[in-house]
N, C-alpha and C. Protein backbone atom coordinates (compact mmCIF):
# COMPACT_ATOMS: atom_id res chain seq x y z
N UNK A 1 -23.56 90.72 202.67
CA UNK A 1 -23.53 90.68 201.21
C UNK A 1 -22.62 89.51 200.77
N UNK A 2 -23.08 88.73 199.84
CA UNK A 2 -22.33 87.57 199.36
C UNK A 2 -21.14 88.00 198.51
N UNK A 3 -20.10 87.19 198.55
CA UNK A 3 -18.92 87.36 197.72
C UNK A 3 -19.16 86.61 196.42
N UNK A 4 -18.88 87.24 195.28
CA UNK A 4 -19.06 86.57 194.01
C UNK A 4 -17.75 86.57 193.24
N UNK A 5 -17.61 85.59 192.35
CA UNK A 5 -16.41 85.48 191.53
C UNK A 5 -16.73 84.76 190.23
N UNK A 6 -15.91 85.04 189.22
CA UNK A 6 -15.90 84.25 188.00
C UNK A 6 -14.77 83.26 188.13
N UNK A 7 -15.04 82.00 187.82
CA UNK A 7 -14.02 80.97 187.83
C UNK A 7 -13.80 80.56 186.38
N UNK A 8 -12.62 80.85 185.86
CA UNK A 8 -12.26 80.51 184.49
C UNK A 8 -11.61 79.13 184.52
N UNK A 9 -12.10 78.23 183.67
CA UNK A 9 -11.70 76.83 183.75
C UNK A 9 -11.14 76.34 182.41
N UNK A 10 -10.00 75.68 182.48
CA UNK A 10 -9.46 74.95 181.34
C UNK A 10 -9.75 73.48 181.58
N UNK A 11 -10.15 72.78 180.50
CA UNK A 11 -10.50 71.38 180.63
C UNK A 11 -9.64 70.54 179.69
N UNK A 12 -9.69 69.23 179.91
CA UNK A 12 -9.10 68.31 178.97
C UNK A 12 -9.87 68.44 177.65
N UNK A 13 -9.22 68.13 176.53
CA UNK A 13 -9.86 68.24 175.23
C UNK A 13 -11.14 67.39 175.19
N UNK A 14 -12.22 68.02 174.75
CA UNK A 14 -13.49 67.33 174.62
C UNK A 14 -14.29 67.16 175.89
N UNK A 15 -13.85 67.75 177.01
CA UNK A 15 -14.52 67.55 178.30
C UNK A 15 -15.33 68.76 178.75
N UNK A 16 -15.35 69.85 178.01
CA UNK A 16 -16.01 71.08 178.46
C UNK A 16 -17.48 70.88 178.75
N UNK A 17 -18.22 70.22 177.87
CA UNK A 17 -19.66 70.03 178.08
C UNK A 17 -19.95 69.22 179.33
N UNK A 18 -19.16 68.18 179.57
CA UNK A 18 -19.34 67.36 180.77
C UNK A 18 -19.03 68.15 182.03
N UNK A 19 -17.99 68.99 181.97
CA UNK A 19 -17.63 69.81 183.12
C UNK A 19 -18.76 70.79 183.43
N UNK A 20 -19.30 71.45 182.42
CA UNK A 20 -20.40 72.40 182.64
C UNK A 20 -21.59 71.68 183.25
N UNK A 21 -21.93 70.53 182.72
CA UNK A 21 -23.08 69.78 183.25
C UNK A 21 -22.89 69.44 184.73
N UNK A 22 -21.68 69.11 185.11
CA UNK A 22 -21.41 68.74 186.50
C UNK A 22 -21.38 69.97 187.43
N UNK A 23 -20.62 71.01 187.05
CA UNK A 23 -20.47 72.15 187.97
C UNK A 23 -21.74 72.96 188.12
N UNK A 24 -22.64 72.92 187.14
CA UNK A 24 -23.90 73.66 187.27
C UNK A 24 -24.71 73.22 188.49
N UNK A 25 -24.55 71.98 188.89
CA UNK A 25 -25.30 71.44 190.01
C UNK A 25 -24.62 71.61 191.36
N UNK A 26 -23.42 72.18 191.40
CA UNK A 26 -22.70 72.34 192.66
C UNK A 26 -23.28 73.50 193.48
N UNK A 27 -23.37 73.32 194.79
CA UNK A 27 -23.83 74.43 195.64
C UNK A 27 -22.89 75.63 195.50
N UNK A 28 -23.46 76.81 195.36
CA UNK A 28 -22.67 78.03 195.22
C UNK A 28 -22.45 78.46 193.78
N UNK A 29 -22.73 77.58 192.83
CA UNK A 29 -22.59 77.94 191.42
C UNK A 29 -23.88 78.61 190.94
N UNK A 30 -23.76 79.83 190.47
CA UNK A 30 -24.89 80.60 189.99
C UNK A 30 -25.14 80.32 188.50
N UNK A 31 -24.06 80.19 187.73
CA UNK A 31 -24.16 79.91 186.29
C UNK A 31 -22.86 79.26 185.82
N UNK A 32 -22.96 78.48 184.76
CA UNK A 32 -21.79 77.88 184.13
C UNK A 32 -22.04 77.79 182.64
N UNK A 33 -21.06 78.22 181.85
CA UNK A 33 -21.22 78.24 180.40
C UNK A 33 -19.95 77.78 179.71
N UNK A 34 -20.13 77.09 178.56
CA UNK A 34 -19.02 76.78 177.66
C UNK A 34 -18.64 78.07 176.94
N UNK A 35 -17.36 78.30 176.74
CA UNK A 35 -16.89 79.48 176.00
C UNK A 35 -15.74 79.07 175.09
N UNK A 36 -15.36 79.96 174.20
CA UNK A 36 -14.19 79.72 173.36
C UNK A 36 -13.09 80.67 173.80
N UNK A 37 -11.86 80.35 173.41
CA UNK A 37 -10.72 81.18 173.79
C UNK A 37 -9.77 80.38 174.66
N UNK A 38 -8.99 81.07 175.48
CA UNK A 38 -8.00 80.35 176.31
C UNK A 38 -8.64 79.51 177.41
N UNK A 39 -9.90 79.79 177.75
CA UNK A 39 -10.61 78.99 178.74
C UNK A 39 -11.78 78.30 178.07
N UNK A 40 -12.21 77.19 178.63
CA UNK A 40 -13.26 76.37 178.04
C UNK A 40 -14.61 76.56 178.73
N UNK A 41 -14.57 76.93 180.01
CA UNK A 41 -15.79 77.08 180.82
C UNK A 41 -15.62 78.31 181.70
N UNK A 42 -16.70 79.06 181.86
CA UNK A 42 -16.72 80.16 182.84
C UNK A 42 -17.87 79.90 183.81
N UNK A 43 -17.55 79.97 185.09
CA UNK A 43 -18.53 79.75 186.16
C UNK A 43 -18.69 81.04 186.95
N UNK A 44 -19.92 81.38 187.27
CA UNK A 44 -20.19 82.48 188.22
C UNK A 44 -20.56 81.80 189.53
N UNK A 45 -19.83 82.11 190.58
CA UNK A 45 -20.03 81.45 191.89
C UNK A 45 -20.21 82.51 192.96
N UNK A 46 -20.85 82.09 194.06
CA UNK A 46 -20.99 83.00 195.20
C UNK A 46 -20.96 82.21 196.50
N UNK A 47 -20.55 82.92 197.55
CA UNK A 47 -20.49 82.35 198.90
C UNK A 47 -20.62 83.51 199.88
N UNK A 48 -20.78 83.18 201.14
CA UNK A 48 -20.94 84.22 202.17
C UNK A 48 -19.64 84.96 202.44
N UNK A 49 -18.49 84.30 202.35
CA UNK A 49 -17.20 84.93 202.61
C UNK A 49 -16.19 84.50 201.55
N UNK A 50 -15.08 85.23 201.48
CA UNK A 50 -14.02 84.88 200.54
C UNK A 50 -13.44 83.51 200.90
N UNK A 51 -13.32 83.21 202.18
CA UNK A 51 -12.81 81.90 202.60
C UNK A 51 -13.73 80.77 202.13
N UNK A 52 -15.04 80.95 202.29
CA UNK A 52 -15.98 79.94 201.83
C UNK A 52 -15.92 79.78 200.31
N UNK A 53 -15.75 80.86 199.60
CA UNK A 53 -15.63 80.80 198.16
C UNK A 53 -14.39 80.00 197.76
N UNK A 54 -13.29 80.30 198.41
CA UNK A 54 -12.05 79.57 198.14
C UNK A 54 -12.18 78.09 198.41
N UNK A 55 -12.82 77.74 199.54
CA UNK A 55 -13.01 76.32 199.89
C UNK A 55 -13.92 75.64 198.86
N UNK A 56 -14.94 76.36 198.39
CA UNK A 56 -15.85 75.79 197.41
C UNK A 56 -15.10 75.50 196.10
N UNK A 57 -14.28 76.42 195.66
CA UNK A 57 -13.54 76.21 194.42
C UNK A 57 -12.57 75.03 194.56
N UNK A 58 -11.84 74.99 195.66
CA UNK A 58 -10.85 73.92 195.84
C UNK A 58 -11.50 72.57 196.11
N UNK A 59 -12.52 72.53 196.94
CA UNK A 59 -13.07 71.23 197.35
C UNK A 59 -14.15 70.70 196.42
N UNK A 60 -14.78 71.57 195.61
CA UNK A 60 -15.84 71.09 194.73
C UNK A 60 -15.49 71.26 193.26
N UNK A 61 -15.22 72.48 192.86
CA UNK A 61 -15.00 72.75 191.43
C UNK A 61 -13.74 72.04 190.94
N UNK A 62 -12.61 72.26 191.61
CA UNK A 62 -11.36 71.68 191.13
C UNK A 62 -11.32 70.17 191.16
N UNK A 63 -12.17 69.56 191.91
CA UNK A 63 -12.21 68.08 191.96
C UNK A 63 -13.04 67.47 190.85
N UNK A 64 -13.63 68.30 190.02
CA UNK A 64 -14.43 67.82 188.89
C UNK A 64 -13.53 67.15 187.87
N UNK A 65 -13.89 65.95 187.47
CA UNK A 65 -13.10 65.21 186.47
C UNK A 65 -13.07 65.98 185.15
N UNK A 66 -11.90 66.11 184.59
CA UNK A 66 -11.73 66.80 183.31
C UNK A 66 -11.20 68.21 183.43
N UNK A 67 -11.17 68.78 184.62
CA UNK A 67 -10.62 70.13 184.80
C UNK A 67 -9.11 70.03 184.97
N UNK A 68 -8.39 70.86 184.22
CA UNK A 68 -6.93 70.88 184.32
C UNK A 68 -6.41 72.11 185.06
N UNK A 69 -7.18 73.23 185.02
CA UNK A 69 -6.69 74.45 185.65
C UNK A 69 -7.86 75.40 185.88
N UNK A 70 -7.78 76.16 186.98
CA UNK A 70 -8.80 77.19 187.23
C UNK A 70 -8.12 78.50 187.56
N UNK A 71 -8.83 79.59 187.32
CA UNK A 71 -8.40 80.93 187.71
C UNK A 71 -9.63 81.61 188.29
N UNK A 72 -9.56 81.99 189.56
CA UNK A 72 -10.69 82.62 190.23
C UNK A 72 -10.54 84.13 190.25
N UNK A 73 -11.55 84.84 189.75
CA UNK A 73 -11.52 86.29 189.63
C UNK A 73 -12.66 86.88 190.47
N UNK A 74 -12.39 87.31 191.70
CA UNK A 74 -13.44 87.89 192.55
C UNK A 74 -14.03 89.17 191.93
N UNK A 75 -15.33 89.32 192.09
CA UNK A 75 -16.02 90.52 191.62
C UNK A 75 -15.80 91.62 192.66
N UNK A 76 -15.45 92.81 192.19
CA UNK A 76 -15.26 93.95 193.09
C UNK A 76 -16.26 95.06 192.71
N UNK A 77 -16.64 95.85 193.68
CA UNK A 77 -17.51 97.00 193.44
C UNK A 77 -16.67 98.27 193.52
N UNK A 78 -16.58 98.98 192.43
CA UNK A 78 -15.72 100.16 192.35
C UNK A 78 -16.49 101.46 192.55
N UNK A 79 -17.75 101.36 192.95
CA UNK A 79 -18.55 102.58 193.15
C UNK A 79 -18.07 103.35 194.35
């Protein structure tokens, strides 16, 4: 079963649309949307393991120009 997470992203002012356009095409990204509030972009991502997910966020998402901060929230099943 794949590991999934929401990645909450803060961007430089005026860069949210460009960040969404870029991260949507990254491997492992299921969805990316502009939002309002304390974060500018929310990404739904998945990988085979938590380690792969972490590597994807650090090596791909965080290297996107215009991103200033990320917060990764893994999805848990409470059933």
